[in-house]
Protein backbone atom coordinates (compact mmCIF):
# COMPACT_ATOMS: atom_id res chain seq x y z
CA MET A 1 8.02 35.18 9.18
CA ASP A 2 7.21 33.44 5.89
CA PRO A 3 3.41 33.36 5.52
CA ASN A 4 3.63 30.07 3.56
CA ARG A 5 5.51 28.28 6.35
CA THR A 6 3.56 25.64 8.24
CA PRO A 7 3.31 26.67 11.91
CA ARG A 8 4.86 24.44 14.50
CA LYS A 9 2.80 22.58 17.07
CA SER A 10 4.08 24.85 19.85
CA GLU A 11 2.87 27.93 17.96
CA VAL A 12 -0.68 26.64 17.54
CA ALA A 13 -3.10 27.17 20.41
CA PRO A 14 -4.61 23.90 21.63
CA PRO A 15 -8.24 23.52 20.58
CA THR A 16 -10.90 23.64 23.21
CA THR A 17 -13.09 20.57 23.41
CA PRO A 18 -16.75 21.50 23.93
CA ALA A 19 -19.16 19.41 25.89
CA PRO A 20 -21.12 16.78 23.88
CA ALA A 21 -24.40 18.67 24.20
CA GLU A 22 -22.73 21.95 23.27
CA ALA A 23 -21.04 20.37 20.23
CA SER A 24 -24.32 18.81 19.06
CA GLY A 25 -26.14 22.13 19.36
CA ARG A 26 -23.37 23.96 17.56
CA LEU A 27 -23.48 21.46 14.69
CA ALA A 28 -27.20 22.01 14.33
CA ALA A 29 -27.20 25.80 14.70
CA ASP A 30 -23.95 27.19 13.30
CA PRO A 31 -24.18 27.87 9.55
CA VAL A 32 -21.25 27.42 7.20
CA PRO A 33 -20.35 30.73 5.47
CA GLY A 34 -20.77 30.78 1.69
CA ARG A 35 -22.32 27.32 1.51
CA ARG A 36 -25.98 26.86 0.53
CA ALA A 37 -26.37 23.10 0.86
CA ALA A 38 -29.31 20.81 0.25
CA GLY A 39 -29.89 17.19 1.17
CA ILE A 40 -32.03 14.72 -0.78
CA ASP A 41 -33.35 11.37 0.37
CA VAL A 42 -33.75 9.57 -2.96
CA GLY A 43 -36.68 7.21 -3.40
CA ASP A 44 -38.34 5.20 -6.12
CA ALA A 45 -41.70 7.02 -5.89
CA THR A 46 -40.80 10.37 -4.30
CA HIS A 47 -37.73 12.44 -3.37
CA TRP A 48 -37.56 14.29 -0.03
CA VAL A 49 -35.53 17.52 -0.22
CA CYS A 50 -34.27 19.72 2.61
CA VAL A 51 -32.68 23.17 2.11
CA ASP A 52 -31.22 25.75 4.47
CA ALA A 53 -33.89 28.38 3.86
CA ALA A 54 -36.89 28.67 1.55
CA PRO A 55 -37.32 31.88 -0.51
CA ASP A 56 -40.89 32.41 0.72
CA GLY A 57 -40.03 31.68 4.33
CA GLY A 58 -42.06 28.47 4.26
CA ASP A 59 -41.18 24.90 5.08
CA THR A 60 -37.58 23.96 4.21
CA VAL A 61 -38.52 20.31 3.55
CA ARG A 62 -40.58 19.31 0.55
CA GLU A 63 -41.56 16.12 -1.21
CA PHE A 64 -41.40 15.84 -5.01
CA PRO A 65 -42.59 13.00 -7.27
CA ALA A 66 -39.83 10.92 -8.84
CA HIS A 67 -41.16 11.19 -12.40
CA THR A 68 -39.56 13.57 -14.90
CA PRO A 69 -41.92 16.55 -14.33
CA GLY A 70 -41.41 16.17 -10.61
CA VAL A 71 -37.63 16.13 -11.02
CA ARG A 72 -37.85 19.35 -13.06
CA GLN A 73 -39.88 20.97 -10.26
CA LEU A 74 -37.28 19.78 -7.73
CA VAL A 75 -34.41 21.37 -9.67
CA ALA A 76 -36.34 24.61 -10.17
CA TRP A 77 -37.07 24.84 -6.42
CA LEU A 78 -33.41 24.26 -5.55
CA ILE A 79 -32.33 27.03 -7.92
CA ALA A 80 -34.98 29.36 -6.49
CA CYS A 81 -33.64 28.64 -2.98
CA GLY A 82 -30.14 29.64 -4.09
CA VAL A 83 -28.70 26.18 -3.47
CA THR A 84 -25.15 25.69 -4.76
CA THR A 85 -24.33 22.16 -3.59
CA VAL A 86 -26.50 19.07 -3.18
CA ALA A 87 -25.90 15.74 -1.42
CA LEU A 88 -27.90 12.60 -2.12
CA GLU A 89 -27.58 8.96 -1.22
CA ALA A 90 -26.39 6.41 -3.76
CA SER A 91 -29.52 4.31 -3.85
CA GLY A 92 -29.83 2.45 -7.12
CA ALA A 93 -30.64 3.27 -10.71
CA TYR A 94 -33.35 5.83 -9.92
CA GLY A 95 -30.74 7.92 -8.11
CA GLN A 96 -28.62 8.18 -11.28
CA VAL A 97 -31.38 10.02 -13.14
CA LEU A 98 -31.60 12.67 -10.43
CA PHE A 99 -27.82 12.89 -10.19
CA LEU A 100 -27.37 13.55 -13.92
CA THR A 101 -30.28 16.03 -13.98
CA LEU A 102 -28.74 18.06 -11.14
CA LEU A 103 -25.37 18.06 -12.89
CA GLU A 104 -26.96 19.34 -16.11
CA ALA A 105 -28.53 22.17 -14.08
CA GLY A 106 -25.06 23.37 -13.06
CA LEU A 107 -25.21 22.34 -9.40
CA ASP A 108 -22.36 20.83 -7.42
CA VAL A 109 -23.64 17.32 -6.71
CA LEU A 110 -22.19 14.89 -4.16
CA MET A 111 -23.38 11.31 -4.12
CA THR A 112 -22.57 9.49 -0.90
CA ALA A 113 -22.98 5.94 0.33
CA PRO A 114 -25.98 5.18 2.59
CA HIS A 115 -23.84 3.99 5.52
CA PHE A 116 -22.39 7.51 5.83
CA THR A 117 -25.84 9.05 6.33
CA ARG A 118 -27.30 6.71 8.92
CA GLN A 119 -29.33 8.29 11.63
CA ILE A 120 -28.24 8.40 15.27
CA LYS A 121 -29.39 5.33 17.16
CA GLY A 122 -32.56 5.92 19.13
CA ARG A 123 -33.80 8.69 16.84
CA PRO A 124 -37.02 8.04 14.88
CA LYS A 125 -36.32 7.31 11.24
CA THR A 126 -38.52 8.82 8.54
CA ASP A 127 -37.88 10.10 5.03
CA ARG A 128 -38.38 13.66 6.24
CA ARG A 129 -35.80 13.27 9.02
CA ASP A 130 -33.38 11.51 6.67
CA CYS A 131 -33.19 14.41 4.23
CA GLN A 132 -32.76 16.87 7.12
CA TRP A 133 -29.88 14.80 8.50
CA ILE A 134 -28.23 14.56 5.06
CA GLN A 135 -28.54 18.34 4.61
CA ARG A 136 -27.06 19.01 8.05
CA LEU A 137 -24.06 16.71 7.49
CA HIS A 138 -23.43 18.06 4.00
CA GLN A 139 -23.66 21.66 5.16
CA HIS A 140 -20.76 21.04 7.51
CA GLY A 141 -18.74 19.07 4.95
CA MET A 142 -18.98 15.75 6.76
CA LEU A 143 -20.12 13.55 3.86
CA PRO A 144 -17.54 11.79 1.66
CA SER A 145 -18.34 11.29 -2.01
CA VAL A 146 -18.47 7.99 -3.81
CA PHE A 147 -16.51 7.66 -7.05
CA GLN A 148 -18.28 9.06 -10.09
CA PRO A 149 -16.60 8.92 -13.52
CA ASP A 150 -16.77 11.70 -16.05
CA ASP A 151 -19.52 11.70 -18.66
CA PRO A 152 -17.63 9.86 -21.48
CA THR A 153 -16.45 7.18 -19.06
CA HIS A 154 -19.97 6.90 -17.64
CA THR A 155 -21.33 6.13 -21.11
CA LEU A 156 -18.54 3.63 -21.81
CA ARG A 157 -19.19 1.95 -18.46
CA ASP A 158 -22.87 1.42 -19.31
CA TYR A 159 -21.93 -0.07 -22.69
CA VAL A 160 -19.33 -2.45 -21.24
CA ARG A 161 -21.56 -3.54 -18.36
CA GLN A 162 -24.36 -4.26 -20.80
CA ARG A 163 -21.97 -6.33 -22.90
CA ALA A 164 -20.77 -8.25 -19.84
CA ASN A 165 -24.39 -9.05 -18.95
CA LEU A 166 -25.01 -10.42 -22.45
CA VAL A 167 -21.90 -12.60 -22.23
CA ARG A 168 -22.97 -13.87 -18.81
CA LEU A 169 -26.49 -14.71 -20.01
CA SER A 170 -25.14 -16.50 -23.09
CA ALA A 171 -22.88 -18.59 -20.83
CA HIS A 172 -25.99 -19.77 -18.97
CA HIS A 173 -27.34 -21.27 -22.20
CA ILE A 174 -23.98 -22.95 -22.86
CA GLN A 175 -24.36 -24.73 -19.52
CA ARG A 176 -27.88 -25.82 -20.47
CA MET A 177 -26.56 -27.23 -23.75
CA GLN A 178 -23.87 -29.16 -21.90
CA LYS A 179 -26.53 -30.60 -19.59
CA ALA A 180 -28.63 -31.66 -22.56
CA LEU A 181 -25.60 -33.38 -24.08
CA ALA A 182 -24.96 -35.20 -20.79
CA LEU A 183 -28.58 -36.38 -20.63
CA MET A 184 -28.16 -37.83 -24.15
CA ASN A 185 -24.84 -39.43 -23.07
CA LEU A 186 -22.94 -37.46 -25.71
CA LYS A 187 -19.38 -36.96 -24.43
CA LEU A 188 -18.66 -33.99 -26.66
CA THR A 189 -17.07 -32.03 -23.82
CA ARG A 190 -14.50 -34.82 -23.36
CA VAL A 191 -13.15 -34.61 -26.91
CA VAL A 192 -13.71 -30.89 -27.61
CA GLY A 193 -12.25 -28.20 -25.36
CA ASP A 194 -15.02 -25.68 -26.09
CA VAL A 195 -18.47 -26.61 -27.37
CA THR A 196 -18.78 -23.11 -28.86
CA GLY A 197 -15.58 -23.51 -30.87
CA VAL A 198 -15.38 -24.30 -34.58
CA THR A 199 -15.81 -28.05 -34.24
CA GLY A 200 -18.30 -27.91 -31.37
CA LEU A 201 -20.66 -25.47 -33.09
CA LYS A 202 -20.69 -27.47 -36.33
CA ILE A 203 -21.59 -30.63 -34.45
CA LEU A 204 -24.26 -28.93 -32.33
CA ARG A 205 -25.92 -27.37 -35.36
CA ALA A 206 -25.89 -30.71 -37.17
CA ILE A 207 -27.51 -32.46 -34.18
CA ALA A 208 -30.16 -29.72 -33.97
CA ALA A 209 -30.81 -30.18 -37.70
CA GLY A 210 -31.49 -33.91 -37.25
CA GLU A 211 -28.18 -35.66 -37.90
CA ARG A 212 -27.58 -38.73 -35.70
CA ASP A 213 -24.80 -40.71 -37.42
CA PRO A 214 -21.67 -40.36 -35.21
CA ASN A 215 -19.33 -40.81 -38.19
CA VAL A 216 -21.02 -37.98 -40.08
CA LEU A 217 -20.85 -35.77 -36.99
CA ALA A 218 -17.16 -36.62 -36.49
CA ALA A 219 -16.45 -35.47 -40.06
CA PHE A 220 -17.02 -31.89 -38.89
CA ARG A 221 -13.77 -32.15 -36.93
CA ASP A 222 -11.39 -29.25 -37.46
CA ARG A 223 -7.83 -30.16 -38.38
CA ARG A 224 -6.53 -28.43 -35.22
CA CYS A 225 -8.37 -30.78 -32.85
CA ARG A 226 -6.19 -32.99 -30.69
CA HIS A 227 -8.60 -35.93 -30.76
CA THR A 228 -9.05 -38.03 -33.86
CA ALA A 229 -12.26 -38.46 -35.83
CA ALA A 230 -12.62 -42.00 -34.44
CA ASP A 231 -12.49 -40.69 -30.85
CA ILE A 232 -15.10 -38.05 -31.65
CA ALA A 233 -17.37 -40.60 -33.33
CA THR A 234 -17.17 -42.86 -30.27
CA ALA A 235 -18.05 -39.95 -27.97
CA LEU A 236 -21.07 -39.00 -30.12
CA ASP A 237 -22.76 -42.40 -29.99
CA GLY A 238 -25.62 -41.56 -27.63
CA ARG A 239 -29.34 -41.75 -26.88
CA TYR A 240 -31.17 -38.96 -28.72
CA ARG A 241 -34.38 -38.39 -26.79
CA PRO A 242 -36.67 -35.76 -28.38
CA GLU A 243 -37.07 -33.60 -25.25
CA HIS A 244 -33.31 -33.31 -24.81
CA VAL A 245 -32.74 -32.54 -28.48
CA THR A 246 -35.40 -29.83 -28.25
CA GLU A 247 -33.68 -28.28 -25.25
CA LEU A 248 -30.36 -28.37 -27.08
CA ARG A 249 -31.86 -26.75 -30.18
CA LEU A 250 -33.64 -23.97 -28.26
CA CYS A 251 -30.61 -23.17 -26.09
CA LEU A 252 -28.44 -23.01 -29.21
CA LYS A 253 -30.98 -20.63 -30.74
CA MET A 254 -30.90 -18.41 -27.64
CA TRP A 255 -27.09 -18.46 -27.62
CA ASP A 256 -27.05 -17.32 -31.25
CA ALA A 257 -29.45 -14.50 -30.36
CA TYR A 258 -27.12 -13.27 -27.62
CA GLN A 259 -24.17 -13.42 -30.00
CA GLU A 260 -26.10 -11.25 -32.46
CA ALA A 261 -26.87 -8.77 -29.66
CA ILE A 262 -23.20 -8.63 -28.68
CA ALA A 263 -22.20 -8.11 -32.31
CA ASP A 264 -24.78 -5.30 -32.53
CA LEU A 265 -23.38 -3.64 -29.38
CA ASP A 266 -19.69 -3.77 -30.32
CA PRO A 267 -19.89 -1.02 -33.00
CA SER A 268 -21.41 1.33 -30.42
CA ILE A 269 -18.48 0.70 -28.06
CA ALA A 270 -15.98 1.18 -30.87
CA ALA A 271 -17.64 4.44 -31.97
CA HIS A 272 -17.65 5.79 -28.41
CA LEU A 273 -13.97 4.93 -27.98
CA ARG A 274 -13.25 6.87 -31.17
CA GLU A 275 -15.00 9.88 -29.62
CA MET A 276 -12.76 9.53 -26.55
CA ARG A 277 -9.61 9.50 -28.68
CA ARG A 278 -6.93 11.95 -27.60
CA ALA A 279 -5.90 14.78 -29.87
CA SER A 280 -2.15 14.27 -29.31
CA THR A 281 -0.17 12.08 -31.69
CA LEU A 282 0.97 8.78 -30.19
CA PRO A 283 3.69 6.42 -31.40
CA PRO A 284 2.44 3.26 -33.09
CA LEU A 285 1.79 0.21 -30.96
CA PRO A 286 4.25 -2.69 -31.20
CA LYS A 287 2.82 -5.95 -32.46
CA GLN A 288 1.62 -8.30 -29.77
CA PRO A 289 1.65 -12.08 -30.24
CA ARG A 290 -1.70 -13.77 -29.90
CA VAL A 291 -1.70 -16.14 -26.96
CA ARG A 292 -5.03 -17.89 -27.59
CA GLY A 293 -7.57 -18.40 -30.31
CA ARG A 294 -10.51 -16.11 -30.88
CA LYS A 295 -13.61 -16.80 -28.82
CA PRO A 296 -17.15 -16.26 -30.18
CA HIS A 297 -17.85 -13.40 -27.75
CA ASP A 298 -14.57 -11.55 -28.38
CA PRO A 299 -15.00 -7.99 -29.72
CA LYS A 300 -14.92 -7.66 -33.48
CA PHE A 301 -12.74 -4.50 -33.34
CA ASP A 302 -9.19 -3.87 -32.13
CA VAL A 303 -9.80 -3.12 -28.45
CA ARG A 304 -6.11 -2.72 -27.69
CA GLU A 305 -5.55 0.04 -30.22
CA ALA A 306 -8.82 1.81 -29.38
CA LEU A 307 -7.92 1.94 -25.68
CA TYR A 308 -4.40 3.07 -26.49
CA LEU A 309 -5.68 6.02 -28.54
CA ALA A 310 -8.20 6.91 -25.80
CA THR A 311 -5.89 6.70 -22.76
CA GLY A 312 -2.42 7.14 -24.23
CA VAL A 313 -1.07 3.97 -22.55
CA ASP A 314 -1.08 0.27 -23.40
CA LEU A 315 -2.58 -1.62 -20.48
CA THR A 316 -2.24 -4.94 -22.29
CA ALA A 317 1.54 -4.65 -21.95
CA ILE A 318 1.08 -5.64 -18.28
CA ASP A 319 1.35 -9.39 -17.74
CA GLY A 320 -2.06 -10.99 -17.19
CA ILE A 321 -4.18 -8.09 -18.50
CA ASP A 322 -5.74 -8.84 -21.88
CA ALA A 323 -7.94 -6.62 -24.03
CA ILE A 324 -11.19 -7.49 -22.20
CA HIS A 325 -9.66 -6.81 -18.78
CA ALA A 326 -8.23 -3.52 -20.03
CA LEU A 327 -11.61 -2.50 -21.45
CA THR A 328 -13.28 -3.26 -18.10
CA LEU A 329 -10.67 -1.26 -16.16
CA VAL A 330 -10.94 1.80 -18.41
CA SER A 331 -14.74 1.71 -18.37
CA GLU A 332 -14.87 1.45 -14.57
CA LEU A 333 -11.99 3.77 -13.66
CA GLY A 334 -11.56 6.16 -16.58
CA SER A 335 -8.20 7.72 -17.36
CA ASP A 336 -8.24 10.54 -14.76
CA PHE A 337 -6.60 9.01 -11.69
CA THR A 338 -6.22 12.32 -9.86
CA LYS A 339 -9.43 11.43 -8.00
CA TRP A 340 -7.27 9.11 -5.90
CA PRO A 341 -4.53 11.26 -4.30
CA THR A 342 -2.23 8.32 -3.57
CA ILE A 343 -1.85 4.73 -4.56
CA GLN A 344 -3.00 3.75 -1.07
CA HIS A 345 -6.32 5.52 -1.66
CA PHE A 346 -6.71 3.65 -4.95
CA THR A 347 -6.05 0.15 -3.59
CA SER A 348 -8.25 0.86 -0.57
CA TRP A 349 -11.12 1.95 -2.85
CA LEU A 350 -10.70 -1.28 -4.81
CA GLY A 351 -10.82 -3.33 -1.60
CA LEU A 352 -7.51 -5.07 -2.36
CA CYS A 353 -5.63 -4.01 0.77
CA PRO A 354 -6.08 -5.07 4.41
CA ASN A 355 -8.98 -3.35 6.14
CA GLY A 356 -7.48 -3.08 9.61
CA LYS A 357 -9.88 -2.70 12.54
CA LYS A 358 -8.19 -1.69 15.78
CA THR A 359 -9.90 -1.49 19.14
CA GLY A 360 -8.42 -1.53 22.61
CA GLY A 361 -4.92 -1.58 21.16
CA LYS A 362 -5.63 -4.86 19.33
CA VAL A 363 -6.42 -5.68 15.71
CA PRO A 364 -9.32 -8.17 15.72
CA SER A 365 -9.53 -8.36 11.94
CA SER A 366 -7.60 -7.15 8.91
CA HIS A 367 -9.48 -8.92 6.12
CA THR A 368 -10.04 -7.11 2.86
CA ARG A 369 -13.31 -5.27 2.52
CA LYS A 370 -16.13 -7.15 0.82
CA GLY A 371 -17.70 -5.54 -2.21
CA LYS A 372 -18.75 -5.91 -5.84
CA ASN A 373 -16.13 -3.70 -7.45
CA ARG A 374 -15.94 -4.75 -11.10
CA ALA A 375 -12.45 -3.30 -11.52
CA ALA A 376 -11.19 -5.37 -8.60
CA ALA A 377 -12.88 -8.47 -10.06
CA ALA A 378 -11.12 -7.87 -13.39
CA LEU A 379 -7.77 -7.54 -11.60
CA ARG A 380 -8.40 -10.79 -9.71
CA LEU A 381 -9.18 -12.59 -12.98
CA ALA A 382 -6.02 -11.15 -14.51
CA ALA A 383 -4.04 -12.33 -11.48
CA TRP A 384 -5.46 -15.86 -11.73
CA SER A 385 -4.35 -16.08 -15.38
CA LEU A 386 -0.73 -15.67 -14.22
CA MET A 387 -0.66 -19.02 -12.41
CA ARG A 388 1.50 -20.64 -15.12
CA SER A 389 3.15 -17.48 -16.40
CA THR A 390 6.94 -17.34 -16.67
CA SER A 391 6.96 -13.65 -15.72
CA ALA A 392 7.95 -12.15 -12.38
CA LEU A 393 4.26 -11.64 -11.50
CA GLY A 394 3.60 -15.32 -12.15
CA ALA A 395 6.50 -16.30 -9.87
CA TYR A 396 5.18 -13.92 -7.22
CA LEU A 397 1.70 -15.47 -7.43
CA ARG A 398 3.02 -19.01 -7.07
CA ARG A 399 5.25 -18.00 -4.15
CA GLN A 400 2.36 -16.33 -2.32
CA ARG A 401 0.14 -19.30 -3.08
CA GLY A 402 2.53 -21.61 -1.26
CA ARG A 403 2.57 -19.27 1.75
CA LEU A 404 -1.01 -18.01 1.96
CA GLY A 405 -3.20 -20.22 -0.22
CA SER A 406 -4.88 -19.44 -3.52
CA PRO A 407 -7.52 -16.84 -2.48
CA LYS A 408 -5.10 -14.61 -0.59
CA ALA A 409 -2.39 -15.06 -3.21
CA ILE A 410 -4.79 -13.91 -5.96
CA THR A 411 -5.75 -10.84 -3.90
CA ALA A 412 -2.08 -10.02 -3.25
CA THR A 413 -1.23 -10.31 -6.95
CA ALA A 414 -4.29 -8.24 -7.89
CA HIS A 415 -3.05 -5.58 -5.45
CA LYS A 416 0.32 -5.58 -7.22
CA LEU A 417 -1.41 -5.26 -10.60
CA ALA A 418 -3.48 -2.35 -9.25
CA ARG A 419 -0.30 -0.53 -8.23
CA ILE A 420 1.14 -1.03 -11.72
CA VAL A 421 -2.06 0.25 -13.36
CA TYR A 422 -2.11 3.30 -11.09
CA ALA A 423 1.52 4.16 -11.85
CA LEU A 424 0.89 3.74 -15.57
CA LEU A 425 -2.29 5.84 -15.81
CA ARG A 426 -1.49 8.45 -13.14
CA HIS A 427 2.23 9.10 -13.66
CA GLY A 428 2.90 7.51 -17.06
CA VAL A 429 5.46 5.12 -15.59
CA GLY A 430 6.05 2.40 -18.15
CA TYR A 431 5.80 -1.26 -17.19
CA VAL A 432 9.06 -3.19 -17.42
CA LYS A 433 8.59 -6.90 -17.83
CA GLU A 434 10.70 -9.19 -15.68
CA THR A 435 11.24 -12.92 -15.81
CA ALA A 436 10.67 -15.43 -13.04
CA GLU A 437 14.43 -15.86 -12.67
CA ALA A 438 14.85 -12.13 -12.02
CA HIS A 439 12.12 -12.30 -9.38
CA ALA A 440 13.84 -15.29 -7.72
CA ASP A 441 17.13 -13.37 -7.61
CA GLU A 442 15.40 -10.38 -6.05
CA VAL A 443 13.78 -12.60 -3.39
CA ARG A 444 17.17 -14.17 -2.65
CA ARG A 445 18.81 -10.75 -2.23
CA LYS A 446 16.09 -9.67 0.19
CA MET A 447 16.45 -12.88 2.21
CA GLU A 448 20.23 -12.46 2.41
CA LYS A 449 19.86 -8.86 3.54
CA GLN A 450 17.34 -9.84 6.22
CA PHE A 451 19.56 -12.75 7.32
CA HIS A 452 22.61 -10.50 7.74
CA ARG A 453 20.57 -7.95 9.67
CA ARG A 454 19.16 -10.54 12.08
CA ALA A 455 22.59 -12.10 12.61
CA LYS A 456 24.09 -8.69 13.39
CA GLU A 457 21.32 -7.99 15.90
CA LEU A 458 22.10 -11.27 17.66
CA GLY A 459 25.86 -10.59 17.71
CA TYR A 460 26.93 -13.02 15.01
CA GLU A 461 29.02 -12.51 11.92
CA VAL A 462 27.94 -14.24 8.73
CA ARG A 463 30.42 -15.26 6.09
CA LYS A 464 29.51 -16.72 2.73
CA ILE A 465 31.01 -20.11 1.98
CA GLU A 466 32.81 -19.98 -1.33
CA PRO A 467 32.68 -23.13 -3.46
CA ALA A 468 35.81 -25.21 -3.21
CA THR A 469 38.18 -25.02 -6.17
CA PRO A 470 38.76 -28.47 -7.68
CA ALA A 471 42.33 -29.69 -7.49
CA PRO A 472 44.19 -29.84 -10.78
CA ALA A 473 44.46 -33.25 -12.36
CA VAL A 474 47.85 -34.94 -12.03
CA VAL A 475 49.28 -36.17 -15.29
CA THR A 476 51.36 -39.30 -14.95
């Protein structure tokens, strides 16, 4: 018999099911060979640690301070106990410091979600019991790990998240400026598409400097504006109260400060992407037409080329995904997609597929899982940008919108984008762009195939009606 052959079900002895009390005692007493596991209940002030056996035969549970000297003592005690693998709960920023410190010490670290380590109902809950329960579950391999990127991706993720926070905070001050303009009855937002554009910024800076003449303010109009100078002058005839002008000036000053911070952060992101560049030679990128003007918070370096040299693929070739979306995806996911065995694992981790709950033979709910996955949010934004696209993905979004409504259609299109990204980064399958007409033809072929199948099941024969040939004209 081939030793590599998988045994049949008839050749495998049926497992014996122990009694509940016997199984619980076996889980607590039976050790796992070759596995020295530890469990840590992470806290802000102290960390509770439980090991299998202490070297001095003392207590297997200890409490260590959360400051840096205490973390060093914790790692030294784990090494002295011969621990090889550690499990800890994902519990905020203070857990990341301990996680990275344990990795640097050469230990196998597993970070798990708190809902996987909940205590049994009815059992008293303390920090001491929590770390013992984590150690027991981890010793028997019953704790799944949350996704953790590699070290270069971890650094890039922190950079990009910090940049996104700066952009979000600057947008708050844009809203305050728009409110101040409304309180002064200045209809700048009606004649200018973006108050932080070329024309809008010139007018705002002039108002903050003391200019009140609407004709002088309208002279700052850029030649690309759709509205005329007379329309802009009419919109800028308002009531300039000092408190509102002060709010406008201070918010503009804060917005400028955030733009300087973003400009100071962009070189760090570009330098880190250069460090992540692959050693293999890649073909040059084809030129990509610019679909919109440059925004003030856009990166000052070529994000598309930097990501291409770091990952080896061009994510911006996918319809709906621009440079910012691609940067967010790479920073959150990395380029090593082997951590998700299949595409189903990947879309389930993103929370973009139905989360079916079945009980009693019925499915009470199949809604997608709620979460704050930044990669999924970027895919949803990319899907929403396809609403007026002439591509096949745009046609798919509009078709699903008519059937399911906008929220579900965006999730369905984001799921399709996630499958494309997975195939591109995991298997190197290139993205082939299709038009809306090609998508409509594909939908028609599927409908015809389904129609023929249903007709055959019902005992009918379907025949396509050919268009009638026009009779030849009679010449008299």
